[in-house]
């Protein structure tokens, strides 16, 4: 990632002349988001609960929008069941637990 940051930094001075201005700006946003994520890679249990509840709420709204589209609705139902199951689990404490928790998602 350091290489990408160096390239973006070097391009800032002449980005207004480049055909790739929009791409440079987009990559700069991605790099910034990655830096923020890297600094704060874990969340506390209440943030986790809120995040998962927001996902459940969004999937439930998506279910309503997909009424009559059985194939898509089936996939959303499966994902909703996975997220609801994740809500009942304690946060993973080790990389191995994280790997195991994500097994069903990877399989899906």
N, C-alpha and C. Protein backbone atom coordinates (compact mmCIF):
# COMPACT_ATOMS: atom_id res chain seq x y z
N UNK A 1 0.82 -1.18 0.00
CA UNK A 1 0.00 0.00 0.00
C UNK A 1 0.87 1.25 0.00
N UNK A 2 2.05 1.17 0.58
CA UNK A 2 2.93 2.33 0.63
C UNK A 2 3.28 2.80 -0.78
N UNK A 3 3.47 1.86 -1.69
CA UNK A 3 3.80 2.21 -3.07
C UNK A 3 2.67 3.02 -3.69
N UNK A 4 1.44 2.58 -3.50
CA UNK A 4 0.29 3.30 -4.04
C UNK A 4 0.22 4.71 -3.48
N UNK A 5 0.46 4.85 -2.19
CA UNK A 5 0.44 6.18 -1.57
C UNK A 5 1.53 7.07 -2.17
N UNK A 6 2.69 6.51 -2.44
CA UNK A 6 3.77 7.29 -3.04
C UNK A 6 3.40 7.76 -4.44
N UNK A 7 2.80 6.88 -5.22
CA UNK A 7 2.40 7.23 -6.59
C UNK A 7 1.35 8.32 -6.54
N UNK A 8 0.34 8.14 -5.71
CA UNK A 8 -0.72 9.15 -5.61
C UNK A 8 -0.18 10.49 -5.15
N UNK A 9 0.73 10.47 -4.22
CA UNK A 9 1.34 11.71 -3.73
C UNK A 9 2.11 12.41 -4.84
N UNK A 10 2.86 11.64 -5.61
CA UNK A 10 3.64 12.22 -6.71
C UNK A 10 2.74 12.79 -7.80
N UNK A 11 1.56 12.23 -7.98
CA UNK A 11 0.66 12.67 -9.04
C UNK A 11 -0.17 13.89 -8.66
N UNK A 12 -0.25 14.22 -7.39
CA UNK A 12 -1.12 15.31 -6.95
C UNK A 12 -0.77 16.65 -7.61
N UNK A 13 0.50 16.93 -7.79
CA UNK A 13 0.91 18.23 -8.33
C UNK A 13 0.43 18.45 -9.77
N UNK A 14 0.28 17.42 -10.54
CA UNK A 14 -0.11 17.59 -11.95
C UNK A 14 -1.39 16.86 -12.32
N UNK A 15 -2.17 16.48 -11.32
CA UNK A 15 -3.38 15.72 -11.61
C UNK A 15 -4.38 16.50 -12.45
N UNK A 16 -4.38 17.82 -12.36
CA UNK A 16 -5.31 18.63 -13.16
C UNK A 16 -5.00 18.55 -14.65
N UNK A 17 -3.80 18.12 -15.01
CA UNK A 17 -3.41 17.99 -16.41
C UNK A 17 -3.62 16.57 -16.95
N UNK A 18 -3.93 15.66 -16.09
CA UNK A 18 -3.98 14.26 -16.47
C UNK A 18 -5.36 13.84 -16.98
N UNK A 19 -5.37 12.88 -17.90
CA UNK A 19 -6.61 12.28 -18.36
C UNK A 19 -7.20 11.37 -17.28
N UNK A 20 -6.41 11.06 -16.29
CA UNK A 20 -6.81 10.12 -15.26
C UNK A 20 -7.19 10.82 -13.95
N UNK A 21 -7.58 12.07 -14.02
CA UNK A 21 -7.89 12.85 -12.82
C UNK A 21 -8.93 12.17 -11.95
N UNK A 22 -10.02 11.71 -12.56
CA UNK A 22 -11.06 11.06 -11.78
C UNK A 22 -10.55 9.79 -11.12
N UNK A 23 -9.76 9.03 -11.85
CA UNK A 23 -9.21 7.80 -11.30
C UNK A 23 -8.26 8.10 -10.14
N UNK A 24 -7.44 9.14 -10.28
CA UNK A 24 -6.52 9.52 -9.22
C UNK A 24 -7.30 9.89 -7.96
N UNK A 25 -8.36 10.68 -8.12
CA UNK A 25 -9.18 11.08 -6.98
C UNK A 25 -9.82 9.87 -6.32
N UNK A 26 -10.31 8.93 -7.13
CA UNK A 26 -10.94 7.73 -6.60
C UNK A 26 -9.93 6.89 -5.84
N UNK A 27 -8.75 6.72 -6.41
CA UNK A 27 -7.71 5.93 -5.74
C UNK A 27 -7.27 6.61 -4.45
N UNK A 28 -7.25 7.95 -4.44
CA UNK A 28 -6.88 8.69 -3.24
C UNK A 28 -7.91 8.43 -2.14
N UNK A 29 -9.19 8.37 -2.51
CA UNK A 29 -10.23 8.07 -1.53
C UNK A 29 -10.07 6.65 -0.99
N UNK A 30 -9.78 5.72 -1.87
CA UNK A 30 -9.59 4.33 -1.45
C UNK A 30 -8.39 4.23 -0.50
N UNK A 31 -7.31 4.92 -0.84
CA UNK A 31 -6.12 4.90 0.01
C UNK A 31 -6.43 5.51 1.38
N UNK A 32 -7.18 6.59 1.40
CA UNK A 32 -7.55 7.22 2.67
C UNK A 32 -8.40 6.28 3.51
N UNK A 33 -9.37 5.65 2.88
CA UNK A 33 -10.24 4.72 3.60
C UNK A 33 -9.42 3.56 4.16
N UNK A 34 -8.46 3.08 3.39
CA UNK A 34 -7.62 1.97 3.85
C UNK A 34 -6.80 2.40 5.06
N UNK A 35 -6.25 3.63 5.03
CA UNK A 35 -5.46 4.12 6.16
C UNK A 35 -6.33 4.21 7.42
N UNK A 36 -7.55 4.69 7.28
CA UNK A 36 -8.45 4.80 8.42
C UNK A 36 -8.76 3.40 8.96
N UNK A 37 -9.06 2.47 8.06
CA UNK A 37 -9.37 1.10 8.47
C UNK A 37 -8.17 0.46 9.17
N UNK A 38 -6.99 0.72 8.65
CA UNK A 38 -5.79 0.13 9.22
C UNK A 38 -5.56 0.64 10.64
N UNK A 39 -5.86 1.92 10.87
CA UNK A 39 -5.69 2.49 12.20
C UNK A 39 -6.71 1.94 13.18
N UNK A 40 -7.89 1.64 12.70
CA UNK A 40 -8.97 1.20 13.59
C UNK A 40 -9.58 -0.06 13.02
N UNK A 41 -8.90 -1.17 13.22
CA UNK A 41 -9.32 -2.41 12.59
C UNK A 41 -10.29 -3.23 13.43
N UNK A 42 -10.53 -2.83 14.68
CA UNK A 42 -11.47 -3.59 15.49
C UNK A 42 -12.57 -2.67 16.00
N UNK A 43 -13.71 -3.28 16.29
CA UNK A 43 -14.83 -2.53 16.83
C UNK A 43 -15.24 -3.17 18.15
N UNK A 44 -15.87 -2.37 19.00
CA UNK A 44 -16.30 -2.94 20.27
C UNK A 44 -17.62 -3.68 20.08
N UNK A 45 -18.05 -4.38 21.13
CA UNK A 45 -19.22 -5.25 21.00
C UNK A 45 -20.51 -4.47 20.73
N UNK A 46 -20.65 -3.27 21.27
CA UNK A 46 -21.88 -2.51 21.00
C UNK A 46 -21.90 -2.01 19.56
N UNK A 47 -20.73 -1.61 19.03
CA UNK A 47 -20.66 -1.20 17.62
C UNK A 47 -20.97 -2.39 16.71
N UNK A 48 -20.47 -3.55 17.10
CA UNK A 48 -20.72 -4.78 16.32
C UNK A 48 -22.20 -5.08 16.30
N UNK A 49 -22.85 -4.97 17.45
CA UNK A 49 -24.28 -5.26 17.54
C UNK A 49 -25.08 -4.29 16.67
N UNK A 50 -24.73 -3.03 16.71
CA UNK A 50 -25.43 -2.02 15.90
C UNK A 50 -25.21 -2.29 14.42
N UNK A 51 -23.98 -2.60 14.06
CA UNK A 51 -23.66 -2.89 12.66
C UNK A 51 -24.45 -4.08 12.14
N UNK A 52 -24.46 -5.16 12.90
CA UNK A 52 -25.19 -6.34 12.47
C UNK A 52 -26.70 -6.07 12.42
N UNK A 53 -27.22 -5.29 13.36
CA UNK A 53 -28.64 -4.97 13.33
C UNK A 53 -28.98 -4.13 12.10
N UNK A 54 -28.09 -3.22 11.73
CA UNK A 54 -28.30 -2.43 10.51
C UNK A 54 -28.31 -3.31 9.26
N UNK A 55 -27.45 -4.31 9.24
CA UNK A 55 -27.42 -5.24 8.12
C UNK A 55 -28.73 -6.03 8.06
N UNK A 56 -29.19 -6.50 9.21
CA UNK A 56 -30.46 -7.24 9.27
C UNK A 56 -31.59 -6.36 8.76
N UNK A 57 -31.65 -5.13 9.24
CA UNK A 57 -32.71 -4.20 8.83
C UNK A 57 -32.67 -3.99 7.31
N UNK A 58 -31.47 -3.78 6.77
CA UNK A 58 -31.34 -3.55 5.33
C UNK A 58 -31.77 -4.77 4.52
N UNK A 59 -31.39 -5.95 4.99
CA UNK A 59 -31.79 -7.18 4.29
C UNK A 59 -33.30 -7.39 4.37
N UNK A 60 -33.91 -7.04 5.49
CA UNK A 60 -35.36 -7.16 5.61
C UNK A 60 -36.06 -6.21 4.65
N UNK A 61 -35.53 -5.02 4.49
CA UNK A 61 -36.10 -4.07 3.53
C UNK A 61 -35.92 -4.58 2.11
N UNK A 62 -34.77 -5.21 1.86
CA UNK A 62 -34.52 -5.78 0.54
C UNK A 62 -35.49 -6.92 0.25
N UNK A 63 -35.82 -7.71 1.27
CA UNK A 63 -36.81 -8.78 1.09
C UNK A 63 -38.13 -8.21 0.57
N UNK A 64 -38.57 -7.12 1.14
CA UNK A 64 -39.83 -6.50 0.73
C UNK A 64 -39.74 -6.06 -0.73
N UNK A 65 -38.61 -5.51 -1.10
CA UNK A 65 -38.43 -5.03 -2.48
C UNK A 65 -38.36 -6.18 -3.48
N UNK A 66 -38.01 -7.36 -3.02
CA UNK A 66 -37.83 -8.50 -3.93
C UNK A 66 -39.03 -9.45 -3.97
N UNK A 67 -40.14 -9.06 -3.38
CA UNK A 67 -41.33 -9.91 -3.42
C UNK A 67 -41.67 -10.20 -4.88
N UNK A 68 -41.85 -11.48 -5.19
CA UNK A 68 -42.17 -11.90 -6.54
C UNK A 68 -40.93 -12.30 -7.35
N UNK A 69 -39.77 -12.05 -6.81
CA UNK A 69 -38.52 -12.43 -7.48
C UNK A 69 -37.87 -13.52 -6.63
N UNK A 70 -38.40 -14.70 -6.75
CA UNK A 70 -38.09 -15.80 -5.84
C UNK A 70 -36.61 -16.18 -5.81
N UNK A 71 -35.94 -16.18 -6.94
CA UNK A 71 -34.54 -16.57 -6.96
C UNK A 71 -33.70 -15.61 -6.13
N UNK A 72 -33.86 -14.31 -6.38
CA UNK A 72 -33.10 -13.29 -5.64
C UNK A 72 -33.49 -13.30 -4.17
N UNK A 73 -34.78 -13.47 -3.90
CA UNK A 73 -35.28 -13.49 -2.54
C UNK A 73 -34.68 -14.66 -1.76
N UNK A 74 -34.50 -15.77 -2.41
CA UNK A 74 -33.90 -16.93 -1.77
C UNK A 74 -32.49 -16.62 -1.28
N UNK A 75 -31.70 -15.95 -2.11
CA UNK A 75 -30.33 -15.59 -1.73
C UNK A 75 -30.32 -14.61 -0.58
N UNK A 76 -31.22 -13.64 -0.62
CA UNK A 76 -31.29 -12.66 0.47
C UNK A 76 -31.70 -13.34 1.77
N UNK A 77 -32.63 -14.28 1.68
CA UNK A 77 -33.06 -15.02 2.88
C UNK A 77 -31.91 -15.81 3.49
N UNK A 78 -31.09 -16.41 2.64
CA UNK A 78 -29.94 -17.16 3.14
C UNK A 78 -28.94 -16.24 3.83
N UNK A 79 -28.68 -15.10 3.21
CA UNK A 79 -27.74 -14.15 3.81
C UNK A 79 -28.30 -13.60 5.12
N UNK A 80 -29.59 -13.32 5.16
CA UNK A 80 -30.21 -12.83 6.38
C UNK A 80 -30.08 -13.87 7.50
N UNK A 81 -30.30 -15.13 7.19
CA UNK A 81 -30.16 -16.18 8.20
C UNK A 81 -28.72 -16.24 8.72
N UNK A 82 -27.74 -16.07 7.84
CA UNK A 82 -26.33 -16.07 8.25
C UNK A 82 -26.05 -14.91 9.19
N UNK A 83 -26.51 -13.71 8.83
CA UNK A 83 -26.25 -12.53 9.65
C UNK A 83 -26.95 -12.67 11.01
N UNK A 84 -28.16 -13.18 11.02
CA UNK A 84 -28.87 -13.38 12.28
C UNK A 84 -28.14 -14.39 13.16
N UNK A 85 -27.57 -15.41 12.54
CA UNK A 85 -26.77 -16.38 13.30
C UNK A 85 -25.53 -15.68 13.86
N UNK A 86 -24.91 -14.83 13.07
CA UNK A 86 -23.72 -14.10 13.52
C UNK A 86 -24.03 -13.20 14.71
N UNK A 87 -25.24 -12.69 14.77
CA UNK A 87 -25.63 -11.85 15.90
C UNK A 87 -25.58 -12.62 17.22
N UNK A 88 -25.84 -13.90 17.18
CA UNK A 88 -25.88 -14.69 18.41
C UNK A 88 -24.50 -15.19 18.84
N UNK A 89 -23.52 -15.05 18.00
CA UNK A 89 -22.17 -15.52 18.32
C UNK A 89 -21.39 -14.45 19.06
N UNK A 90 -20.51 -14.89 19.94
CA UNK A 90 -19.57 -13.95 20.56
C UNK A 90 -18.55 -13.55 19.52
N UNK A 91 -18.04 -12.32 19.61
CA UNK A 91 -17.01 -11.91 18.64
C UNK A 91 -15.82 -12.87 18.66
N UNK A 92 -15.28 -13.12 17.50
CA UNK A 92 -14.12 -14.01 17.39
C UNK A 92 -12.94 -13.40 18.14
N UNK A 93 -12.22 -14.25 18.85
CA UNK A 93 -11.07 -13.80 19.63
C UNK A 93 -9.74 -14.12 18.95
N UNK A 94 -9.77 -15.06 18.01
CA UNK A 94 -8.53 -15.47 17.34
C UNK A 94 -8.77 -15.50 15.83
N UNK A 95 -7.71 -15.45 15.07
CA UNK A 95 -7.87 -15.59 13.61
C UNK A 95 -8.55 -16.91 13.23
N UNK A 96 -8.26 -17.97 13.98
CA UNK A 96 -8.90 -19.26 13.70
C UNK A 96 -10.41 -19.19 13.90
N UNK A 97 -10.85 -18.52 14.96
CA UNK A 97 -12.28 -18.35 15.19
C UNK A 97 -12.91 -17.51 14.08
N UNK A 98 -12.21 -16.45 13.66
CA UNK A 98 -12.72 -15.63 12.56
C UNK A 98 -12.88 -16.47 11.30
N UNK A 99 -11.87 -17.28 11.01
CA UNK A 99 -11.91 -18.15 9.85
C UNK A 99 -13.11 -19.10 9.93
N UNK A 100 -13.32 -19.69 11.11
CA UNK A 100 -14.43 -20.63 11.28
C UNK A 100 -15.78 -19.93 11.19
N UNK A 101 -15.90 -18.74 11.75
CA UNK A 101 -17.16 -18.00 11.69
C UNK A 101 -17.54 -17.67 10.24
N UNK A 102 -16.54 -17.42 9.44
CA UNK A 102 -16.80 -17.02 8.05
C UNK A 102 -16.95 -18.21 7.11
N UNK A 103 -16.82 -19.42 7.62
CA UNK A 103 -16.93 -20.61 6.79
C UNK A 103 -18.25 -20.63 6.00
N UNK A 104 -19.37 -20.44 6.69
CA UNK A 104 -20.66 -20.49 6.02
C UNK A 104 -20.78 -19.42 4.94
N UNK A 105 -20.24 -18.24 5.21
CA UNK A 105 -20.28 -17.17 4.21
C UNK A 105 -19.43 -17.55 3.00
N UNK A 106 -18.25 -18.10 3.24
CA UNK A 106 -17.41 -18.53 2.12
C UNK A 106 -18.08 -19.65 1.34
N UNK A 107 -18.70 -20.57 2.04
CA UNK A 107 -19.40 -21.68 1.39
C UNK A 107 -20.57 -21.16 0.55
N UNK A 108 -21.28 -20.19 1.08
CA UNK A 108 -22.43 -19.60 0.39
C UNK A 108 -21.97 -18.94 -0.89
